[in-house]
Protein backbone atom coordinates (compact mmCIF):
# COMPACT_ATOMS: atom_id res chain seq x y z
CA UNK A 1 20.77 43.85 -51.64
CA UNK A 2 20.44 46.47 -48.85
CA UNK A 3 22.88 45.84 -45.76
CA UNK A 4 20.68 44.22 -42.41
CA UNK A 5 23.04 43.93 -40.48
CA UNK A 6 24.39 45.89 -37.61
CA UNK A 7 26.88 45.28 -34.89
CA UNK A 8 25.12 44.74 -32.02
CA UNK A 9 21.35 45.81 -30.40
CA UNK A 10 22.11 49.32 -29.57
CA UNK A 11 22.71 50.11 -33.07
CA UNK A 12 20.09 48.08 -34.48
CA UNK A 13 17.51 49.77 -32.63
CA UNK A 14 19.19 53.52 -33.31
CA UNK A 15 16.58 55.67 -34.12
CA UNK A 16 13.73 53.42 -33.64
CA UNK A 17 12.98 53.87 -29.85
CA UNK A 18 10.41 56.44 -28.28
CA UNK A 19 8.47 56.81 -24.97
CA UNK A 20 5.24 55.81 -25.22
CA UNK A 21 5.92 53.40 -28.35
CA UNK A 22 4.15 50.17 -28.83
CA UNK A 23 6.41 46.99 -28.97
CA UNK A 24 5.55 43.62 -30.18
CA UNK A 25 8.07 41.06 -28.53
CA UNK A 26 8.37 37.50 -29.31
CA UNK A 27 8.86 34.48 -27.26
CA UNK A 28 6.82 32.29 -24.94
CA UNK A 29 8.15 32.91 -21.23
CA UNK A 30 12.03 32.52 -21.55
CA UNK A 31 11.72 30.20 -24.38
CA UNK A 32 12.60 32.25 -28.23
CA UNK A 33 12.76 35.86 -26.38
CA UNK A 34 14.88 38.64 -27.75
CA UNK A 35 17.34 38.74 -25.23
CA UNK A 36 19.91 41.15 -26.40
CA UNK A 37 17.20 43.58 -27.67
CA UNK A 38 15.38 43.50 -24.33
CA UNK A 39 18.85 44.63 -22.40
CA UNK A 40 19.46 47.54 -25.44
CA UNK A 41 16.00 48.76 -25.00
CA UNK A 42 16.19 48.80 -20.94
CA UNK A 43 19.45 50.16 -21.33
CA UNK A 44 18.06 53.12 -23.53
CA UNK A 45 15.52 54.14 -20.30
CA UNK A 46 12.81 54.46 -22.83
CA UNK A 47 9.57 54.89 -21.20
CA UNK A 48 6.33 54.83 -21.14
CA UNK A 49 5.90 51.32 -23.28
CA UNK A 50 2.80 49.01 -24.48
CA UNK A 51 4.09 45.76 -25.22
CA UNK A 52 1.82 42.97 -26.63
CA UNK A 53 3.90 39.23 -25.64
CA UNK A 54 2.65 36.39 -24.72
CA UNK A 55 3.96 37.21 -21.32
CA UNK A 56 6.62 39.39 -19.16
CA UNK A 57 9.25 37.05 -18.58
CA UNK A 58 10.26 36.52 -14.90
CA UNK A 59 11.20 38.71 -12.15
CA UNK A 60 15.04 40.31 -13.75
CA UNK A 61 14.77 37.81 -17.18
CA UNK A 62 13.21 38.93 -20.42
CA UNK A 63 10.76 41.47 -20.31
CA UNK A 64 11.05 41.70 -16.29
CA UNK A 65 14.14 43.09 -16.71
CA UNK A 66 11.76 46.24 -18.39
CA UNK A 67 9.20 45.72 -15.53
CA UNK A 68 11.95 46.26 -12.61
CA UNK A 69 12.65 49.73 -14.34
CA UNK A 70 9.21 50.68 -14.64
CA UNK A 71 9.74 51.61 -18.36
CA UNK A 72 6.52 49.50 -19.17
CA UNK A 73 3.01 51.13 -19.03
CA UNK A 74 1.05 48.51 -20.41
CA UNK A 75 1.15 44.96 -21.11
CA UNK A 76 -1.25 42.83 -23.55
CA UNK A 77 -0.44 39.66 -22.40
CA UNK A 78 -1.98 35.83 -22.37
CA UNK A 79 -0.11 34.92 -19.09
CA UNK A 80 1.55 36.69 -16.25
CA UNK A 81 2.35 34.09 -13.84
CA UNK A 82 6.04 33.83 -12.25
CA UNK A 83 6.81 37.15 -12.16
CA UNK A 84 6.12 38.87 -8.68
CA UNK A 85 7.10 42.34 -9.87
CA UNK A 86 4.32 42.05 -12.29
CA UNK A 87 1.88 40.93 -9.88
CA UNK A 88 3.33 43.99 -7.55
CA UNK A 89 2.50 46.05 -9.96
CA UNK A 90 -0.57 44.95 -11.30
CA UNK A 91 -2.22 45.06 -7.88
CA UNK A 92 -0.51 48.12 -6.53
CA UNK A 93 -2.20 49.96 -9.76
CA UNK A 94 0.85 51.17 -11.15
CA UNK A 95 0.84 48.68 -14.29
CA UNK A 96 -2.17 48.61 -17.03
CA UNK A 97 -2.71 44.71 -18.12
CA UNK A 98 -5.06 43.83 -20.75
CA UNK A 99 -5.49 40.24 -20.35
CA UNK A 100 -6.04 38.21 -24.02
CA UNK A 101 -6.46 34.57 -24.45
CA UNK A 102 -3.41 33.02 -25.93
CA UNK A 103 -4.57 31.89 -29.25
CA UNK A 104 -6.09 35.56 -30.01
CA UNK A 105 -3.52 37.07 -29.08
CA UNK A 106 -1.66 35.34 -31.58
CA UNK A 107 -4.44 36.03 -34.29
CA UNK A 108 -4.59 39.67 -33.33
CA UNK A 109 -0.81 40.06 -34.18
CA UNK A 110 -1.13 38.07 -37.23
CA UNK A 111 -4.35 39.60 -38.30
CA UNK A 112 -2.59 43.49 -37.80
CA UNK A 113 0.16 42.31 -39.82
CA UNK A 114 -2.00 41.21 -42.58
CA UNK A 115 -3.67 44.25 -42.78
CA UNK A 116 -6.49 42.80 -40.95
CA UNK A 117 -8.25 45.63 -38.51
CA UNK A 118 -10.34 43.23 -36.68
CA UNK A 119 -11.82 39.95 -36.51
CA UNK A 120 -14.99 37.88 -34.77
CA UNK A 121 -13.80 34.61 -32.71
CA UNK A 122 -15.99 32.59 -30.10
CA UNK A 123 -13.22 32.91 -27.48
CA UNK A 124 -13.91 34.85 -24.87
CA UNK A 125 -17.56 35.44 -25.05
CA UNK A 126 -19.67 35.29 -21.75
CA UNK A 127 -16.55 35.92 -19.85
CA UNK A 128 -14.69 38.85 -18.77
CA UNK A 129 -12.69 38.72 -21.66
CA UNK A 130 -15.67 39.82 -23.62
CA UNK A 131 -16.47 43.03 -21.57
CA UNK A 132 -17.07 46.37 -23.65
CA UNK A 133 -16.35 44.77 -26.98
CA UNK A 134 -18.73 44.18 -29.67
CA UNK A 135 -21.11 41.04 -30.09
CA UNK A 136 -22.14 39.60 -32.99
CA UNK A 137 -24.32 36.52 -33.95
CA UNK A 138 -23.23 34.12 -36.93
CA UNK A 139 -25.66 31.06 -37.55
CA UNK A 140 -27.04 31.54 -34.07
CA UNK A 141 -23.96 31.45 -32.64
CA UNK A 142 -22.56 34.60 -30.65
CA UNK A 143 -18.85 35.88 -31.56
CA UNK A 144 -16.81 39.03 -30.13
CA UNK A 145 -14.92 41.64 -32.24
CA UNK A 146 -11.34 42.10 -31.21
CA UNK A 147 -8.83 44.47 -32.81
CA UNK A 148 -5.84 43.15 -35.08
CA UNK A 149 -2.45 44.65 -33.32
CA UNK A 150 -0.42 46.83 -35.13
CA UNK A 151 3.13 47.80 -33.43
CA UNK A 152 5.31 50.82 -34.20
CA UNK A 153 8.48 47.95 -33.44
CA UNK A 154 8.63 44.35 -33.50
CA UNK A 155 11.27 42.37 -31.97
CA UNK A 156 12.12 39.06 -32.24
CA UNK A 157 14.44 35.99 -31.68
CA UNK A 158 15.38 33.26 -34.14
CA UNK A 159 17.56 30.43 -34.98
CA UNK A 160 19.68 31.03 -38.07
CA UNK A 161 18.76 34.05 -41.06
CA UNK A 162 20.92 34.59 -43.99
CA UNK A 163 22.34 38.16 -45.10
CA UNK A 164 19.14 39.06 -46.68
CA UNK A 165 17.21 38.28 -43.31
CA UNK A 166 15.14 34.84 -44.06
CA UNK A 167 14.71 33.41 -40.84
CA UNK A 168 14.19 29.71 -39.58
CA UNK A 169 13.19 29.29 -35.81
CA UNK A 170 14.22 26.85 -33.39
CA UNK A 171 11.10 24.31 -32.67
CA UNK A 172 8.57 25.94 -30.10
CA UNK A 173 10.36 29.45 -30.54
CA UNK A 174 8.04 29.58 -33.62
CA UNK A 175 4.99 30.22 -31.54
CA UNK A 176 4.72 33.81 -31.24
CA UNK A 177 7.87 34.94 -32.85
CA UNK A 178 6.40 34.72 -36.58
CA UNK A 179 3.37 36.66 -35.87
CA UNK A 180 5.14 39.19 -33.73
CA UNK A 181 7.44 40.05 -36.25
CA UNK A 182 4.99 40.75 -38.47
CA UNK A 183 2.66 42.73 -37.06
CA UNK A 184 5.12 46.09 -36.55
CA UNK A 185 6.16 48.73 -38.42
CA UNK A 186 9.40 47.69 -38.52
CA UNK A 187 11.21 44.28 -37.23
CA UNK A 188 14.43 43.89 -36.02
CA UNK A 189 15.60 40.39 -35.21
CA UNK A 190 18.28 38.81 -33.29
CA UNK A 191 19.73 35.39 -33.67
CA UNK A 192 22.13 32.60 -33.05
CA UNK A 193 23.70 32.68 -36.46
CA UNK A 194 23.77 34.25 -39.75
CA UNK A 195 24.70 32.58 -42.88
CA UNK A 196 25.55 33.33 -46.38
CA UNK A 197 22.57 34.10 -48.77
CA UNK A 198 21.36 30.24 -50.39
CA UNK A 199 22.87 28.40 -47.14
CA UNK A 200 19.09 27.82 -46.20
CA UNK A 201 16.77 25.70 -47.48
CA UNK A 202 14.09 27.60 -49.22
CA UNK A 203 11.59 25.55 -48.33
CA UNK A 204 12.68 26.10 -44.52
CA UNK A 205 12.14 29.62 -43.89
CA UNK A 206 9.84 30.16 -41.35
CA UNK A 207 9.62 34.15 -42.18
CA UNK A 208 10.61 35.98 -45.03
CA UNK A 209 13.29 38.50 -45.76
CA UNK A 210 10.61 41.35 -46.33
CA UNK A 211 9.70 41.55 -42.80
CA UNK A 212 12.74 41.95 -40.92
CA UNK A 213 14.57 45.02 -41.52
CA UNK A 214 17.66 44.88 -39.44
CA UNK A 215 19.53 41.90 -37.93
CA UNK A 216 21.95 41.28 -35.17
CA UNK A 217 24.20 38.05 -34.15
CA UNK A 218 23.34 37.93 -30.64
CA UNK A 219 25.13 34.46 -29.75
CA UNK A 220 26.48 33.39 -27.20
CA UNK A 221 23.31 32.65 -25.37
CA UNK A 222 22.66 30.94 -22.19
CA UNK A 223 19.70 28.50 -22.30
CA UNK A 224 17.70 29.88 -18.75
CA UNK A 225 15.10 27.97 -20.08
CA UNK A 226 16.60 24.73 -19.06
CA UNK A 227 17.05 23.46 -15.43
CA UNK A 228 19.54 20.04 -14.78
CA UNK A 229 17.34 18.27 -12.07
CA UNK A 230 18.92 15.37 -10.22
CA UNK A 231 17.98 12.85 -7.52
CA UNK A 232 20.44 12.05 -4.46
CA UNK A 233 21.65 8.51 -4.77
CA UNK A 234 19.53 5.88 -2.42
């Protein structure tokens, strides 16, 4: 069994990054995002990136760090709120944005990973989403053609992995991480814990090891998605 475990994010990304590349990034908001890998990409200085991800994080967190350093040329996203720098760059014409309905984005990643170059969907028919896309009628209903996404690199965040790279996501972190993992030519994963082969229940595996080429333990993590809210005593 090949050793997939690397010492840190920089080592795991060594030789994989280049200007103008396309990256598929897992996560949803700040939940289940590959924080260590994003930091290593920032530190690398690679530029003119096209990133396919549910969102671009928030200011100075998640993929928002790459926006701050002007390393992103284009975002393919379904949600772009809560990020003032994203808004500023887009409105100033400094950032290209391809808006994509959330379910369509997940399916575009899944399709790319399954070797499906395109598919038809009703989502977006008759809206700006459909502009410039092929429209075809099936059983009297219009559908638009969406292209599958193939990325040069996938970066994802998991909960646990075994040493072979079989991976388990925790709760809502399953959302975009699994489809993002499959659509890249190579997938690098960071997890909170790495266990021995055989320690994970085979029925609990969310992403088989065949998709994961490189792996790091990124612990410890601060759960920035969680906020403690209290009220003043009466």
